[in-house]
C-alpha atoms as a PDB file:
ATOM      1  CA  MET A   1      91.995 -69.742-110.828  1.00  0.00           C
ATOM      2  CA  LYS A   2      92.775 -72.488-113.304  1.00  0.00           C
ATOM      3  CA  ALA A   3      93.698 -72.026-116.949  1.00  0.00           C
ATOM      4  CA  THR A   4      94.501 -74.467-119.721  1.00  0.00           C
ATOM      5  CA  VAL A   5      96.546 -73.593-122.789  1.00  0.00           C
ATOM      6  CA  VAL A   6      96.449 -75.764-125.911  1.00  0.00           C
ATOM      7  CA  VAL A   7      99.429 -75.145-128.210  1.00  0.00           C
ATOM      8  CA  ARG A   8      99.702 -76.701-131.662  1.00  0.00           C
ATOM      9  CA  PRO A   9     101.565 -76.060-134.907  1.00  0.00           C
ATOM     10  CA  LYS A  10      99.929 -73.519-137.204  1.00  0.00           C
ATOM     11  CA  GLN A  11      98.374 -74.755-140.416  1.00  0.00           C
ATOM     12  CA  GLY A  12     101.048 -75.016-143.110  1.00  0.00           C
ATOM     13  CA  ILE A  13     103.827 -75.710-140.600  1.00  0.00           C
ATOM     14  CA  LEU A  14     105.349 -79.181-140.836  1.00  0.00           C
ATOM     15  CA  ASP A  15     104.254 -81.480-138.028  1.00  0.00           C
ATOM     16  CA  PRO A  16     106.405 -84.638-138.136  1.00  0.00           C
ATOM     17  CA  GLN A  17     104.807 -86.020-134.959  1.00  0.00           C
ATOM     18  CA  GLY A  18     101.339 -85.508-136.390  1.00  0.00           C
ATOM     19  CA  ASP A  19     102.382 -87.209-139.623  1.00  0.00           C
ATOM     20  CA  ALA A  20     103.762 -90.203-137.674  1.00  0.00           C
ATOM     21  CA  VAL A  21     100.538 -90.471-135.654  1.00  0.00           C
ATOM     22  CA  GLN A  22      98.396 -90.283-138.810  1.00  0.00           C
ATOM     23  CA  ARG A  23     100.461 -92.993-140.559  1.00  0.00           C
ATOM     24  CA  SER A  24     100.367 -95.257-137.495  1.00  0.00           C
ATOM     25  CA  LEU A  25      96.612 -94.864-137.147  1.00  0.00           C
ATOM     26  CA  ALA A  26      96.184 -95.686-140.842  1.00  0.00           C
ATOM     27  CA  LYS A  27      98.260 -98.867-140.367  1.00  0.00           C
ATOM     28  CA  LEU A  28      95.943 -99.838-137.520  1.00  0.00           C
ATOM     29  CA  GLY A  29      92.959 -99.469-139.844  1.00  0.00           C
ATOM     30  CA  PHE A  30      91.675 -96.066-138.739  1.00  0.00           C
ATOM     31  CA  ASP A  31      90.600 -93.662-141.471  1.00  0.00           C
ATOM     32  CA  VAL A  32      92.312 -90.449-140.330  1.00  0.00           C
ATOM     33  CA  SER A  33      93.303 -87.952-142.999  1.00  0.00           C
ATOM     34  CA  THR A  34      95.190 -85.533-140.725  1.00  0.00           C
ATOM     35  CA  ALA A  35      96.639 -85.547-137.232  1.00  0.00           C
ATOM     36  CA  ARG A  36      98.222 -82.569-135.482  1.00  0.00           C
ATOM     37  CA  VAL A  37     100.210 -83.055-132.290  1.00  0.00           C
ATOM     38  CA  GLY A  38     100.481 -80.262-129.774  1.00  0.00           C
ATOM     39  CA  ARG A  39     100.696 -79.869-126.041  1.00  0.00           C
ATOM     40  CA  VAL A  40      98.432 -78.958-123.151  1.00  0.00           C
ATOM     41  CA  ILE A  41      99.616 -76.750-120.304  1.00  0.00           C
ATOM     42  CA  ASP A  42      97.539 -76.561-117.116  1.00  0.00           C
ATOM     43  CA  LEU A  43      98.126 -73.562-114.870  1.00  0.00           C
ATOM     44  CA  ASP A  44      96.961 -72.530-111.397  1.00  0.00           C
ATOM     45  CA  LEU A  45      96.941 -68.736-111.257  1.00  0.00           C
ATOM     46  CA  ALA A  46      96.685 -66.214-108.445  1.00  0.00           C
ATOM     47  CA  ALA A  47      94.288 -63.977-110.367  1.00  0.00           C
ATOM     48  CA  ASP A  48      91.261 -62.088-109.088  1.00  0.00           C
ATOM     49  CA  ASP A  49      89.049 -62.597-112.124  1.00  0.00           C
ATOM     50  CA  ALA A  50      88.915 -64.370-115.481  1.00  0.00           C
ATOM     51  CA  ASP A  51      89.964 -61.282-117.454  1.00  0.00           C
ATOM     52  CA  ASP A  52      93.112 -60.854-115.351  1.00  0.00           C
ATOM     53  CA  ALA A  53      93.883 -64.556-115.691  1.00  0.00           C
ATOM     54  CA  ARG A  54      93.409 -64.500-119.472  1.00  0.00           C
ATOM     55  CA  SER A  55      95.615 -61.420-119.812  1.00  0.00           C
ATOM     56  CA  ALA A  56      98.377 -63.026-117.750  1.00  0.00           C
ATOM     57  CA  VAL A  57      98.210 -66.281-119.714  1.00  0.00           C
ATOM     58  CA  GLU A  58      98.315 -64.412-123.042  1.00  0.00           C
ATOM     59  CA  LYS A  59     101.559 -62.758-121.879  1.00  0.00           C
ATOM     60  CA  MET A  60     102.924 -66.138-120.788  1.00  0.00           C
ATOM     61  CA  CYS A  61     102.160 -67.580-124.222  1.00  0.00           C
ATOM     62  CA  ALA A  62     103.773 -64.666-126.032  1.00  0.00           C
ATOM     63  CA  ASN A  63     106.913 -64.814-123.872  1.00  0.00           C
ATOM     64  CA  LEU A  64     107.448 -68.512-123.246  1.00  0.00           C
ATOM     65  CA  LEU A  65     104.711 -71.079-123.788  1.00  0.00           C
ATOM     66  CA  ALA A  66     104.227 -70.731-127.553  1.00  0.00           C
ATOM     67  CA  ASN A  67     106.298 -69.654-130.515  1.00  0.00           C
ATOM     68  CA  PRO A  68     103.923 -67.247-132.302  1.00  0.00           C
ATOM     69  CA  LEU A  69     105.748 -67.682-135.607  1.00  0.00           C
ATOM     70  CA  ILE A  70     104.934 -71.369-135.931  1.00  0.00           C
ATOM     71  CA  GLU A  71     102.374 -72.177-133.229  1.00  0.00           C
ATOM     72  CA  SER A  72      98.838 -71.162-132.384  1.00  0.00           C
ATOM     73  CA  PHE A  73      97.332 -71.370-128.933  1.00  0.00           C
ATOM     74  CA  GLU A  74      93.935 -71.466-127.266  1.00  0.00           C
ATOM     75  CA  ILE A  75      93.321 -70.330-123.710  1.00  0.00           C
ATOM     76  CA  HIS A  76      90.557 -71.763-121.552  1.00  0.00           C
ATOM     77  CA  VAL A  77      89.990 -70.126-118.154  1.00  0.00           C
ATOM     78  CA  ASP A  78      87.921 -71.886-115.503  1.00  0.00           C
ATOM     79  CA  ASP A  79      86.501 -69.138-113.303  1.00  0.00           C
ATOM     80  CA  SER A  80      84.240 -71.391-111.244  1.00  0.00           C
END
């Protein structure tokens, strides 16, 4: 089973990379008021169903993939 985790800084947390991207886009003529930079983690899991996969990925995020104090994460499980 495949899962994708999107991790990004929480609102209110400084995001220097996002600020640099926003400024660069503005210099190129794009009207972007905010940019947030995060990361995407693709996982192949040995899980029997989507609920088991989601539970495992939530534990992975809590223990390693995301810092819950400053980052939020979204989990997408592909059970097809």
